[in-house]
Amino acid sequence: MAEPLRVETPSTDLARALMQRLHAFPTELSEEHGAYEVVVTLLGNPDRAVVDVLNTVDDWLIEHGLDLVRVHLHQRVYTLTPRR
């Protein structure tokens, strides 16, 4: 199984909204020291799963008017901004 992808979120409400959008993937809400993350288990083809998750995160960013989000994958951190 592939390493989970983690998405930092600014609040639990936004984390739960993202989890609802990612209904095709197993997700968990992680909270540590006031920071929130949605942990996404990647199913099936890992490359396709990453693309699907990132597209969903992009839609979530746009819907909630967020400027950016940090995504953790394979011990790297990426900043995702919504498509314009």
N, C-alpha and C. Protein backbone atom coordinates (compact mmCIF):
# COMPACT_ATOMS: atom_id res chain seq x y z
N MET A 1 0.84 -1.18 0.00
CA MET A 1 0.00 0.00 0.00
C MET A 1 0.88 1.24 0.00
N ALA A 2 0.46 2.27 -0.71
CA ALA A 2 1.22 3.51 -0.82
C ALA A 2 1.15 4.31 0.48
N GLU A 3 2.15 5.14 0.68
CA GLU A 3 2.17 6.05 1.82
C GLU A 3 0.98 7.00 1.72
N PRO A 4 0.33 7.32 2.85
CA PRO A 4 -0.80 8.24 2.79
C PRO A 4 -0.37 9.64 2.36
N LEU A 5 -1.29 10.33 1.77
CA LEU A 5 -1.11 11.74 1.42
C LEU A 5 -1.79 12.54 2.54
N ARG A 6 -1.14 13.61 2.99
CA ARG A 6 -1.70 14.42 4.08
C ARG A 6 -1.92 15.84 3.58
N VAL A 7 -3.07 16.40 3.94
CA VAL A 7 -3.43 17.76 3.55
C VAL A 7 -3.66 18.58 4.82
N GLU A 8 -2.90 19.66 4.98
CA GLU A 8 -3.10 20.56 6.12
C GLU A 8 -4.37 21.38 5.86
N THR A 9 -5.16 21.57 6.91
CA THR A 9 -6.37 22.38 6.78
C THR A 9 -6.41 23.42 7.90
N PRO A 10 -7.05 24.56 7.65
CA PRO A 10 -7.06 25.61 8.67
C PRO A 10 -8.04 25.39 9.82
N SER A 11 -8.99 24.46 9.67
CA SER A 11 -9.97 24.23 10.73
C SER A 11 -10.55 22.82 10.61
N THR A 12 -11.21 22.39 11.67
CA THR A 12 -11.86 21.08 11.61
C THR A 12 -13.04 21.10 10.63
N ASP A 13 -13.76 22.21 10.57
CA ASP A 13 -14.88 22.29 9.63
C ASP A 13 -14.42 22.13 8.19
N LEU A 14 -13.32 22.81 7.84
CA LEU A 14 -12.79 22.68 6.48
C LEU A 14 -12.21 21.29 6.25
N ALA A 15 -11.63 20.70 7.28
CA ALA A 15 -11.12 19.33 7.16
C ALA A 15 -12.27 18.37 6.87
N ARG A 16 -13.37 18.53 7.59
CA ARG A 16 -14.52 17.64 7.37
C ARG A 16 -15.14 17.85 5.98
N ALA A 17 -15.14 19.09 5.52
CA ALA A 17 -15.65 19.36 4.16
C ALA A 17 -14.77 18.66 3.12
N LEU A 18 -13.46 18.69 3.34
CA LEU A 18 -12.56 18.00 2.42
C LEU A 18 -12.76 16.49 2.49
N MET A 19 -12.93 15.97 3.68
CA MET A 19 -13.16 14.53 3.83
C MET A 19 -14.42 14.09 3.10
N GLN A 20 -15.46 14.92 3.13
CA GLN A 20 -16.70 14.58 2.40
C GLN A 20 -16.44 14.55 0.90
N ARG A 21 -15.65 15.50 0.41
CA ARG A 21 -15.33 15.52 -1.03
C ARG A 21 -14.51 14.30 -1.43
N LEU A 22 -13.68 13.82 -0.51
CA LEU A 22 -12.79 12.68 -0.79
C LEU A 22 -13.46 11.35 -0.43
N HIS A 23 -14.77 11.27 -0.59
CA HIS A 23 -15.52 10.09 -0.15
C HIS A 23 -15.05 8.79 -0.82
N ALA A 24 -14.37 8.87 -1.95
CA ALA A 24 -13.91 7.66 -2.65
C ALA A 24 -12.66 7.06 -2.00
N PHE A 25 -12.07 7.79 -1.05
CA PHE A 25 -10.84 7.34 -0.40
C PHE A 25 -11.05 7.29 1.11
N PRO A 26 -10.42 6.32 1.78
CA PRO A 26 -10.45 6.33 3.24
C PRO A 26 -9.68 7.56 3.75
N THR A 27 -10.30 8.30 4.67
CA THR A 27 -9.67 9.49 5.24
C THR A 27 -9.76 9.46 6.76
N GLU A 28 -8.84 10.18 7.38
CA GLU A 28 -8.86 10.37 8.83
C GLU A 28 -8.54 11.83 9.11
N LEU A 29 -9.09 12.33 10.21
CA LEU A 29 -8.76 13.67 10.66
C LEU A 29 -7.71 13.55 11.76
N SER A 30 -6.62 14.26 11.58
CA SER A 30 -5.54 14.26 12.56
C SER A 30 -5.42 15.68 13.12
N GLU A 31 -5.34 15.77 14.44
CA GLU A 31 -5.17 17.07 15.08
C GLU A 31 -4.01 16.97 16.07
N GLU A 32 -3.09 17.91 15.94
CA GLU A 32 -1.95 17.93 16.85
C GLU A 32 -1.54 19.37 17.08
N HIS A 33 -1.57 19.78 18.34
CA HIS A 33 -1.15 21.14 18.72
C HIS A 33 -1.92 22.22 17.96
N GLY A 34 -3.21 22.01 17.76
CA GLY A 34 -4.04 23.00 17.09
C GLY A 34 -3.92 23.00 15.57
N ALA A 35 -3.14 22.07 15.02
CA ALA A 35 -3.01 21.96 13.57
C ALA A 35 -3.85 20.76 13.11
N TYR A 36 -4.50 20.91 11.96
CA TYR A 36 -5.38 19.88 11.44
C TYR A 36 -4.86 19.35 10.12
N GLU A 37 -4.99 18.05 9.94
CA GLU A 37 -4.61 17.41 8.69
C GLU A 37 -5.65 16.36 8.33
N VAL A 38 -5.89 16.25 7.04
CA VAL A 38 -6.68 15.13 6.52
C VAL A 38 -5.68 14.13 5.96
N VAL A 39 -5.72 12.92 6.49
CA VAL A 39 -4.84 11.85 6.05
C VAL A 39 -5.63 10.98 5.08
N VAL A 40 -5.11 10.86 3.86
CA VAL A 40 -5.82 10.16 2.78
C VAL A 40 -5.06 8.90 2.41
N THR A 41 -5.73 7.76 2.49
CA THR A 41 -5.15 6.50 2.04
C THR A 41 -5.37 6.39 0.54
N LEU A 42 -4.29 6.23 -0.19
CA LEU A 42 -4.36 6.15 -1.66
C LEU A 42 -4.67 4.73 -2.08
N LEU A 43 -5.75 4.54 -2.80
CA LEU A 43 -6.19 3.22 -3.25
C LEU A 43 -5.95 3.04 -4.74
N GLY A 44 -5.74 1.80 -5.14
CA GLY A 44 -5.57 1.49 -6.56
C GLY A 44 -4.23 1.97 -7.07
N ASN A 45 -4.22 2.41 -8.32
CA ASN A 45 -2.99 2.91 -8.94
C ASN A 45 -2.56 4.17 -8.20
N PRO A 46 -1.38 4.17 -7.56
CA PRO A 46 -1.00 5.31 -6.74
C PRO A 46 -0.87 6.62 -7.52
N ASP A 47 -0.37 6.56 -8.75
CA ASP A 47 -0.25 7.79 -9.54
C ASP A 47 -1.62 8.38 -9.85
N ARG A 48 -2.54 7.53 -10.27
CA ARG A 48 -3.91 7.98 -10.57
C ARG A 48 -4.59 8.50 -9.30
N ALA A 49 -4.37 7.82 -8.18
CA ALA A 49 -4.98 8.22 -6.91
C ALA A 49 -4.49 9.61 -6.50
N VAL A 50 -3.20 9.88 -6.65
CA VAL A 50 -2.65 11.19 -6.30
C VAL A 50 -3.30 12.27 -7.16
N VAL A 51 -3.43 12.02 -8.45
CA VAL A 51 -4.06 12.99 -9.35
C VAL A 51 -5.50 13.24 -8.93
N ASP A 52 -6.23 12.17 -8.64
CA ASP A 52 -7.63 12.31 -8.24
C ASP A 52 -7.75 13.11 -6.94
N VAL A 53 -6.91 12.81 -5.97
CA VAL A 53 -6.96 13.53 -4.69
C VAL A 53 -6.60 15.00 -4.89
N LEU A 54 -5.54 15.28 -5.65
CA LEU A 54 -5.13 16.68 -5.85
C LEU A 54 -6.20 17.46 -6.62
N ASN A 55 -6.86 16.85 -7.58
CA ASN A 55 -7.96 17.53 -8.28
C ASN A 55 -9.11 17.85 -7.32
N THR A 56 -9.39 16.93 -6.42
CA THR A 56 -10.44 17.15 -5.43
C THR A 56 -10.04 18.26 -4.46
N VAL A 57 -8.79 18.26 -4.03
CA VAL A 57 -8.30 19.32 -3.14
C VAL A 57 -8.40 20.67 -3.85
N ASP A 58 -8.07 20.71 -5.12
CA ASP A 58 -8.16 21.95 -5.88
C ASP A 58 -9.61 22.48 -5.90
N ASP A 59 -10.56 21.60 -6.16
CA ASP A 59 -11.97 22.01 -6.15
C ASP A 59 -12.38 22.53 -4.77
N TRP A 60 -11.91 21.88 -3.72
CA TRP A 60 -12.19 22.27 -2.34
C TRP A 60 -11.60 23.66 -2.04
N LEU A 61 -10.38 23.91 -2.50
CA LEU A 61 -9.76 25.23 -2.32
C LEU A 61 -10.63 26.32 -2.94
N ILE A 62 -11.07 26.07 -4.17
CA ILE A 62 -11.89 27.06 -4.89
C ILE A 62 -13.22 27.27 -4.17
N GLU A 63 -13.87 26.18 -3.81
CA GLU A 63 -15.18 26.28 -3.16
C GLU A 63 -15.12 27.09 -1.88
N HIS A 64 -14.04 26.95 -1.12
CA HIS A 64 -13.94 27.62 0.18
C HIS A 64 -13.11 28.89 0.14
N GLY A 65 -12.70 29.31 -1.05
CA GLY A 65 -11.98 30.57 -1.19
C GLY A 65 -10.62 30.60 -0.52
N LEU A 66 -9.96 29.45 -0.47
CA LEU A 66 -8.64 29.36 0.16
C LEU A 66 -7.55 29.68 -0.86
N ASP A 67 -6.50 30.35 -0.40
CA ASP A 67 -5.41 30.74 -1.29
C ASP A 67 -4.40 29.63 -1.53
N LEU A 68 -4.21 28.79 -0.53
CA LEU A 68 -3.24 27.70 -0.67
C LEU A 68 -3.43 26.68 0.42
N VAL A 69 -2.81 25.54 0.21
CA VAL A 69 -2.81 24.47 1.20
C VAL A 69 -1.49 23.71 1.04
N ARG A 70 -1.02 23.16 2.14
CA ARG A 70 0.20 22.34 2.07
C ARG A 70 -0.18 20.87 2.04
N VAL A 71 0.48 20.15 1.14
CA VAL A 71 0.23 18.72 0.94
C VAL A 71 1.54 17.99 1.21
N HIS A 72 1.45 16.93 1.99
CA HIS A 72 2.62 16.12 2.33
C HIS A 72 2.52 14.78 1.61
N LEU A 73 3.59 14.42 0.90
CA LEU A 73 3.62 13.14 0.20
C LEU A 73 5.07 12.71 0.04
N HIS A 74 5.35 11.47 0.37
CA HIS A 74 6.70 10.90 0.23
C HIS A 74 7.75 11.78 0.91
N GLN A 75 7.46 12.21 2.12
CA GLN A 75 8.37 13.00 2.95
C GLN A 75 8.77 14.32 2.32
N ARG A 76 7.92 14.82 1.46
CA ARG A 76 8.10 16.15 0.88
C ARG A 76 6.83 16.96 1.15
N VAL A 77 6.99 18.27 1.13
CA VAL A 77 5.85 19.16 1.34
C VAL A 77 5.69 20.02 0.09
N TYR A 78 4.46 20.07 -0.41
CA TYR A 78 4.13 20.85 -1.60
C TYR A 78 3.08 21.88 -1.24
N THR A 79 3.16 23.03 -1.87
CA THR A 79 2.12 24.06 -1.70
C THR A 79 1.25 24.03 -2.93
N LEU A 80 -0.04 23.82 -2.70
CA LEU A 80 -1.01 23.76 -3.79
C LEU A 80 -1.85 25.03 -3.75
N THR A 81 -1.94 25.71 -4.87
CA THR A 81 -2.81 26.88 -5.00
C THR A 81 -3.90 26.53 -5.99
N PRO A 82 -5.06 27.17 -5.86
CA PRO A 82 -6.17 26.82 -6.76
C PRO A 82 -5.88 27.25 -8.19
N ARG A 83 -6.39 26.48 -9.12
CA ARG A 83 -6.24 26.86 -10.52
C ARG A 83 -7.04 28.13 -10.75
N ARG A 84 -6.60 28.92 -11.64
CA ARG A 84 -7.27 30.20 -11.93
C ARG A 84 -7.99 30.13 -13.24
